[in-house]
Amino acid sequence: MAEADTLSPPTDERMPAGCEAAAILLMLLSEEEAADVLGRLDPDEVQLLGGAMFGVADVTERQVNGVLDLFVGSARARTTIGFGADRHIRGMMERALGNDRADNIMARITPPTRTNTLDALKWMDPRTIATLIENEHPQIAALVLAHLDPPIAADVLQLVDEDAQTDIIYRIAKLGPVTSEALEDLERVLLRQLGNTMRGGTTSRRGGASEAAKIVNSTRTSAEQRIIRSLNKLDKTLARTIEDEMFVFDNLNALDDKNMGTLLRAVDNAILVVALKGADERLRAKMLGCMSSRAAQSIMDEMLERGPMRLAEVQDAQKEMLAIARQLANAGTINLGGKGDDYV
């Protein structure tokens, strides 16, 4: 019996999935094949897979077979009809129309290609990017930051001259569709060493108040407050729009009980009842938990009595609460939380 137990495979062995499964599959490939796969991924995906590969060195044969079964199952659900489609379609067009007319038709129907040159910025550290843009026009800096993930863009923003930071955020917020020609100019200025140029007549939508808000939201609190104050002097409407994008109702989850209690005491019950109608269950429970049981029951009863409410009414009430929260935070009465690295 003991020998049989030794020979039987463990039934509780955990089967790898997700990133672990992908890492095992990569380890089964040759270096060239694995490199070709990694070359098609984003920097954060490469880092994630690289770390996972170190963690899956000791796997059983059963786990490897499980990963292969998983891969084969996924592969069966896909077709290869899209691979090499451009060559196949061109071949059909040339046979049907001849070379010249096929070229004319293909020029009209071929989807525009986009270069990955600007994606090279994602592989650079923030200090290198800041160095690239430090002597460039703020509009170029704005385009660069708008093409980065907000946390990276925030790191870059905080490395450039403070006097330029507000102007850059303002320009990001004002960015509209960016033509391929403008992106070509950007490449020539910043990435000459790569030697690639943009192709196609497409436009790229980057920037806007939402993008600017994400970047400012990722900066330290001191930088965030300074930029918003400067933006208020430059364009009050835009500053308010960015603030609204930066701070949404769910962010109130970051308040501790003491700060939440202070905020709730500053908000009229009529506003609170409407605002809570659109809150998620976790935030609603947190707010009600910061009240006395009697006050919480009164709020819940009033919410039931009000019945269904228009979404616009709920959103307006939530904006009023957020405005009060910002006023209290600016006065130092409450701490909105979320950026603990600024504490000393």
Protein backbone atom coordinates (compact mmCIF):
# COMPACT_ATOMS: atom_id res chain seq x y z
CA MET A 1 0.00 0.00 0.00
CA ALA A 2 2.80 2.38 0.90
CA GLU A 3 4.57 1.61 -2.39
CA ALA A 4 1.40 2.22 -4.38
CA ASP A 5 0.97 5.59 -2.70
CA THR A 6 4.52 6.52 -3.63
CA LEU A 7 4.01 5.68 -7.29
CA SER A 8 0.64 7.40 -7.76
CA PRO A 9 0.74 11.05 -8.90
CA PRO A 10 -0.30 13.64 -6.31
CA THR A 11 -3.98 14.43 -6.77
CA ASP A 12 -3.78 17.83 -5.03
CA GLU A 13 -0.97 19.14 -7.23
CA ARG A 14 -1.80 22.69 -8.28
CA MET A 15 -1.92 23.16 -12.05
CA PRO A 16 -0.22 26.34 -13.32
CA ALA A 17 -2.42 28.92 -14.99
CA GLY A 18 -2.18 32.44 -16.34
CA CYS A 19 1.27 33.97 -16.15
CA GLU A 20 2.82 30.81 -14.67
CA ALA A 21 1.50 28.70 -17.55
CA ALA A 22 2.82 31.22 -20.09
CA ALA A 23 6.22 31.19 -18.38
CA ILE A 24 6.42 27.38 -18.51
CA LEU A 25 5.45 27.39 -22.19
CA LEU A 26 8.18 29.96 -22.94
CA MET A 27 10.75 27.86 -21.09
CA LEU A 28 9.89 24.92 -23.37
CA LEU A 29 10.73 26.96 -26.48
CA SER A 30 14.16 27.55 -27.92
CA GLU A 31 15.88 30.86 -27.11
CA GLU A 32 15.12 32.19 -30.60
CA GLU A 33 11.45 31.24 -30.45
CA ALA A 34 11.02 32.62 -26.93
CA ALA A 35 12.80 35.84 -27.93
CA ASP A 36 10.43 36.26 -30.87
CA VAL A 37 7.45 36.00 -28.50
CA LEU A 38 8.94 38.40 -25.94
CA GLY A 39 9.72 40.90 -28.68
CA ARG A 40 5.99 41.28 -29.35
CA LEU A 41 5.08 42.13 -25.76
CA ASP A 42 4.93 45.37 -23.79
CA PRO A 43 7.63 46.15 -21.19
CA ASP A 44 5.41 45.36 -18.21
CA GLU A 45 4.41 42.02 -19.78
CA VAL A 46 8.06 41.13 -20.38
CA GLN A 47 8.91 41.97 -16.77
CA LEU A 48 5.96 39.94 -15.47
CA LEU A 49 6.85 36.90 -17.58
CA GLY A 50 10.54 37.20 -16.76
CA GLY A 51 9.82 37.11 -13.05
CA ALA A 52 7.43 34.18 -13.50
CA MET A 53 10.08 32.18 -15.38
CA PHE A 54 12.36 32.30 -12.35
CA GLY A 55 9.52 30.95 -10.23
CA VAL A 56 8.60 27.93 -12.36
CA ALA A 57 11.98 26.23 -12.61
CA ASP A 58 10.85 23.31 -10.44
CA VAL A 59 7.72 21.88 -12.08
CA THR A 60 6.55 18.30 -12.48
CA GLU A 61 5.98 16.46 -15.73
CA ARG A 62 2.26 16.41 -14.94
CA GLN A 63 2.21 20.20 -14.60
CA VAL A 64 4.06 20.64 -17.90
CA ASN A 65 1.56 18.35 -19.64
CA GLY A 66 -1.26 20.35 -18.10
CA VAL A 67 0.18 23.57 -19.53
CA LEU A 68 0.54 21.98 -22.98
CA ASP A 69 -3.07 20.74 -22.83
CA LEU A 70 -4.17 24.25 -21.89
CA PHE A 71 -2.25 25.72 -24.83
CA VAL A 72 -3.57 23.16 -27.32
CA GLY A 73 -7.13 23.76 -26.13
CA SER A 74 -6.75 27.49 -26.63
CA ALA A 75 -5.11 27.02 -30.03
CA ARG A 76 -7.98 24.83 -31.26
CA ALA A 77 -10.41 27.65 -30.57
CA ARG A 78 -8.55 29.97 -32.92
CA THR A 79 -8.11 30.01 -36.70
CA THR A 80 -5.20 31.19 -38.82
CA ILE A 81 -7.40 32.95 -41.38
CA GLY A 82 -5.95 36.36 -40.50
CA PHE A 83 -2.29 35.36 -40.75
CA GLY A 84 -0.69 36.58 -43.97
CA ALA A 85 -4.04 38.02 -45.08
CA ASP A 86 -2.42 41.00 -46.79
CA ARG A 87 -0.37 38.77 -49.11
CA HIS A 88 -3.37 36.55 -49.85
CA ILE A 89 -5.65 39.50 -50.64
CA ARG A 90 -3.02 41.17 -52.83
CA GLY A 91 -2.55 37.92 -54.75
CA MET A 92 -6.28 37.68 -55.44
CA MET A 93 -6.45 41.34 -56.53
CA GLU A 94 -3.48 41.00 -58.89
CA ARG A 95 -4.95 37.89 -60.52
CA ALA A 96 -8.32 39.56 -60.96
CA LEU A 97 -7.28 43.12 -61.88
CA GLY A 98 -3.64 43.12 -62.89
CA ASN A 99 -0.75 44.74 -61.04
CA ASP A 100 -1.52 48.41 -61.69
CA ARG A 101 -5.22 48.31 -60.79
CA ALA A 102 -4.49 46.02 -57.84
CA ASP A 103 -1.99 48.57 -56.49
CA ASN A 104 -4.64 51.29 -56.81
CA ILE A 105 -7.29 49.27 -54.99
CA MET A 106 -4.90 48.06 -52.29
CA ALA A 107 -3.83 51.63 -51.57
CA ARG A 108 -7.48 52.45 -50.81
CA ILE A 109 -8.45 49.42 -48.74
CA THR A 110 -5.31 48.48 -46.82
CA PRO A 111 -5.71 49.41 -43.14
CA PRO A 112 -3.20 52.07 -42.10
CA THR A 113 -0.10 50.76 -40.42
CA ARG A 114 1.31 52.37 -37.32
CA THR A 115 4.86 52.51 -36.21
CA ASN A 116 5.98 51.25 -32.85
CA THR A 117 8.72 53.84 -32.68
CA LEU A 118 7.02 55.85 -29.94
CA ASP A 119 6.57 52.62 -27.99
CA ALA A 120 10.35 52.74 -27.48
CA LEU A 121 9.68 55.45 -24.90
CA LYS A 122 7.99 52.83 -22.72
CA TRP A 123 11.32 51.02 -22.40
CA MET A 124 13.18 54.12 -21.20
CA ASP A 125 13.46 55.14 -17.59
CA PRO A 126 11.77 58.43 -16.59
CA ARG A 127 15.08 60.29 -16.18
CA THR A 128 16.14 59.44 -19.74
CA ILE A 129 12.80 60.66 -21.12
CA ALA A 130 13.02 63.84 -19.04
CA THR A 131 16.47 64.48 -20.49
CA LEU A 132 15.11 64.00 -24.03
CA ILE A 133 12.41 66.64 -23.58
CA GLU A 134 14.08 69.10 -21.21
CA ASN A 135 15.16 71.47 -24.01
CA GLU A 136 12.18 70.86 -26.30
CA HIS A 137 9.03 72.95 -26.76
CA PRO A 138 6.35 72.22 -24.11
CA GLN A 139 4.03 70.96 -26.86
CA ILE A 140 6.53 68.21 -27.69
CA ALA A 141 6.85 67.37 -24.00
CA ALA A 142 3.04 67.19 -23.79
CA LEU A 143 2.86 64.77 -26.73
CA VAL A 144 5.55 62.56 -25.21
CA LEU A 145 3.86 62.40 -21.79
CA ALA A 146 0.48 61.73 -23.40
CA HIS A 147 1.94 58.58 -24.99
CA LEU A 148 3.19 57.21 -21.66
CA ASP A 149 1.31 55.35 -18.96
CA PRO A 150 0.16 57.91 -16.36
CA PRO A 151 2.47 56.74 -13.50
CA ILE A 152 5.53 56.93 -15.79
CA ALA A 153 4.38 60.26 -17.22
CA ALA A 154 4.01 61.57 -13.66
CA ASP A 155 7.58 60.53 -12.83
CA VAL A 156 8.84 62.31 -15.95
CA LEU A 157 6.76 65.40 -15.20
CA GLN A 158 8.29 65.73 -11.75
CA LEU A 159 11.80 65.57 -13.23
CA VAL A 160 11.34 68.52 -15.60
CA ASP A 161 11.60 72.13 -14.53
CA GLU A 162 8.80 73.06 -12.11
CA ASP A 163 8.00 76.20 -14.08
CA ALA A 164 7.19 74.05 -17.13
CA GLN A 165 5.04 71.44 -15.39
CA THR A 166 1.77 73.38 -15.36
CA ASP A 167 2.17 74.40 -19.01
CA ILE A 168 2.76 70.77 -20.01
CA ILE A 169 -0.34 69.53 -18.14
CA TYR A 170 -2.37 72.37 -19.68
CA ARG A 171 -1.24 71.33 -23.16
CA ILE A 172 -1.99 67.65 -22.50
CA ALA A 173 -5.49 68.56 -21.38
CA LYS A 174 -5.98 70.62 -24.55
CA LEU A 175 -4.61 68.01 -26.97
CA GLY A 176 -6.93 66.92 -29.73
CA PRO A 177 -6.38 64.36 -32.49
CA VAL A 178 -2.70 64.27 -33.43
CA THR A 179 -1.90 63.78 -37.12
CA SER A 180 0.67 61.28 -38.30
CA GLU A 181 2.70 64.20 -39.67
CA ALA A 182 2.93 65.72 -36.19
CA LEU A 183 4.00 62.37 -34.78
CA GLU A 184 6.64 62.11 -37.52
CA ASP A 185 8.03 65.46 -36.38
CA LEU A 186 8.02 64.20 -32.81
CA GLU A 187 9.98 61.12 -33.82
CA ARG A 188 12.54 63.12 -35.74
CA VAL A 189 13.11 65.39 -32.76
CA LEU A 190 13.31 62.74 -30.04
CA LEU A 191 14.12 59.41 -31.66
CA ARG A 192 16.52 60.11 -34.53
CA GLN A 193 18.76 57.29 -33.31
CA LEU A 194 16.05 54.74 -34.10
CA GLY A 195 15.87 55.84 -37.73
CA ASN A 196 12.20 54.94 -38.20
CA THR A 197 9.50 57.18 -39.67
CA MET A 198 5.75 57.20 -39.35
CA ARG A 199 3.58 55.94 -42.21
CA GLY A 200 -0.03 56.49 -43.15
CA GLY A 201 -2.42 59.40 -42.87
CA THR A 202 -4.15 58.39 -39.67
CA THR A 203 -4.77 60.45 -36.58
CA SER A 204 -4.05 59.44 -33.00
CA ARG A 205 -6.23 60.54 -30.10
CA ARG A 206 -4.07 61.23 -27.07
CA GLY A 207 -4.29 63.70 -24.24
CA GLY A 208 -7.40 65.47 -23.01
CA ALA A 209 -8.50 66.40 -19.50
CA SER A 210 -8.87 62.74 -18.50
CA GLU A 211 -5.29 61.91 -19.53
CA ALA A 212 -3.96 65.04 -17.83
CA ALA A 213 -5.90 64.14 -14.66
CA LYS A 214 -4.40 60.62 -14.57
CA ILE A 215 -0.89 62.07 -14.81
CA VAL A 216 -1.46 64.73 -12.14
CA ASN A 217 -3.16 62.11 -9.95
CA SER A 218 0.00 60.01 -10.10
CA THR A 219 2.29 62.81 -8.91
CA ARG A 220 3.10 63.51 -5.27
CA THR A 221 0.52 65.51 -3.37
CA SER A 222 2.73 68.59 -3.15
CA ALA A 223 3.26 68.64 -6.93
CA GLU A 224 -0.43 67.94 -7.56
CA GLN A 225 -1.59 70.86 -5.43
CA ARG A 226 0.93 73.25 -6.96
CA ILE A 227 -0.04 72.29 -10.52
CA ILE A 228 -3.77 72.63 -9.81
CA ARG A 229 -3.25 76.06 -8.22
CA SER A 230 -1.29 77.21 -11.27
CA LEU A 231 -3.89 75.76 -13.64
CA ASN A 232 -6.60 77.70 -11.79
CA LYS A 233 -4.78 80.92 -12.66
CA LEU A 234 -4.35 79.80 -16.26
CA ASP A 235 -7.81 78.35 -16.94
CA LYS A 236 -10.29 77.90 -14.07
CA THR A 237 -12.75 75.85 -16.12
CA LEU A 238 -10.08 73.43 -17.28
CA ALA A 239 -8.64 73.18 -13.76
CA ARG A 240 -12.07 72.24 -12.41
CA THR A 241 -12.56 69.67 -15.19
CA ILE A 242 -9.22 68.07 -14.40
CA GLU A 243 -10.02 68.05 -10.67
CA ASP A 244 -13.35 66.37 -11.40
CA GLU A 245 -11.56 63.71 -13.45
CA MET A 246 -8.91 63.24 -10.75
CA PHE A 247 -11.24 62.80 -7.82
CA VAL A 248 -14.33 60.65 -8.26
CA PHE A 249 -16.86 59.52 -5.68
CA ASP A 250 -15.31 56.06 -5.23
CA ASN A 251 -12.07 57.76 -4.13
CA LEU A 252 -13.79 58.53 -0.83
CA ASN A 253 -13.09 54.88 0.03
CA ALA A 254 -9.55 56.04 0.84
CA LEU A 255 -10.73 58.11 3.82
CA ASP A 256 -10.24 56.62 7.26
CA ASP A 257 -13.14 56.59 9.72
CA LYS A 258 -12.12 59.85 11.41
CA ASN A 259 -11.85 61.82 8.15
CA MET A 260 -15.01 60.20 6.80
CA GLY A 261 -16.92 61.21 9.92
CA THR A 262 -15.71 64.81 9.57
CA LEU A 263 -16.83 64.89 5.93
CA LEU A 264 -20.26 63.40 6.68
CA ARG A 265 -20.90 65.99 9.38
CA ALA A 266 -20.21 68.73 6.83
CA VAL A 267 -22.68 67.33 4.27
CA ASP A 268 -26.40 68.05 4.46
CA ASN A 269 -28.49 64.89 4.84
CA ALA A 270 -30.57 65.77 1.76
CA ILE A 271 -27.38 65.68 -0.37
CA LEU A 272 -26.05 62.55 1.35
CA VAL A 273 -29.24 60.55 0.76
CA VAL A 274 -29.15 61.22 -2.99
CA ALA A 275 -25.37 60.70 -3.30
CA LEU A 276 -25.53 57.33 -1.55
CA LYS A 277 -28.19 56.07 -3.99
CA GLY A 278 -25.47 55.80 -6.63
CA ALA A 279 -22.63 54.63 -4.37
CA ASP A 280 -21.29 51.07 -4.54
CA GLU A 281 -22.16 48.81 -1.63
CA ARG A 282 -18.70 48.97 -0.04
CA LEU A 283 -18.56 52.77 0.04
CA ARG A 284 -22.16 53.03 1.20
CA ALA A 285 -21.51 50.58 4.05
CA LYS A 286 -18.37 52.48 5.03
CA MET A 287 -20.18 55.81 5.18
CA LEU A 288 -23.13 54.39 7.13
CA GLY A 289 -20.67 52.66 9.46
CA CYS A 290 -19.16 56.04 10.38
CA MET A 291 -22.53 57.25 11.69
CA SER A 292 -24.49 56.37 14.77
CA SER A 293 -26.85 53.44 14.24
CA ARG A 294 -29.81 55.79 14.59
CA ALA A 295 -28.48 58.26 11.98
CA ALA A 296 -27.58 55.42 9.60
CA GLN A 297 -31.07 53.91 9.89
CA SER A 298 -32.61 57.32 9.25
CA ILE A 299 -30.54 57.73 6.05
CA MET A 300 -31.47 54.22 4.82
CA ASP A 301 -35.18 54.82 5.51
CA GLU A 302 -35.07 58.08 3.59
CA MET A 303 -33.30 56.40 0.67
CA LEU A 304 -36.09 53.83 0.49
CA GLU A 305 -38.76 56.52 0.65
CA ARG A 306 -37.17 58.48 -2.21
CA GLY A 307 -37.42 55.51 -4.57
CA PRO A 308 -35.70 55.59 -8.02
CA MET A 309 -33.77 58.76 -8.85
CA ARG A 310 -32.43 60.19 -12.07
CA LEU A 311 -28.75 59.44 -12.63
CA ALA A 312 -28.01 63.13 -13.27
CA GLU A 313 -29.49 64.01 -9.86
CA VAL A 314 -27.32 61.42 -8.13
CA GLN A 315 -24.19 62.58 -9.96
CA ASP A 316 -24.85 66.21 -9.02
CA ALA A 317 -25.19 65.24 -5.35
CA GLN A 318 -21.96 63.27 -5.49
CA LYS A 319 -20.18 66.24 -7.08
CA GLU A 320 -21.42 68.43 -4.25
CA MET A 321 -19.98 65.98 -1.72
CA LEU A 322 -16.68 65.88 -3.58
CA ALA A 323 -16.54 69.68 -3.67
CA ILE A 324 -17.05 69.75 0.10
CA ALA A 325 -14.36 67.09 0.53
CA ARG A 326 -11.91 69.15 -1.53
CA GLN A 327 -12.69 72.29 0.46
CA LEU A 328 -12.09 70.47 3.74
CA ALA A 329 -8.86 68.96 2.38
CA ASN A 330 -7.59 72.34 1.15
CA ALA A 331 -8.32 73.80 4.59
CA GLY A 332 -6.39 70.97 6.24
CA THR A 333 -9.50 69.73 8.06
CA ILE A 334 -9.39 66.25 6.49
CA ASN A 335 -6.80 64.16 4.69
CA LEU A 336 -8.06 62.54 1.49
CA GLY A 337 -5.36 59.85 1.67
CA GLY A 338 -3.90 57.81 -1.18
CA LYS A 339 -0.46 59.46 -1.32
CA GLY A 340 1.30 58.44 1.85
CA ASP A 341 4.77 59.11 0.43
CA ASP A 342 4.27 62.79 1.22
CA TYR A 343 4.02 62.29 4.97
CA VAL A 344 7.00 63.21 7.16
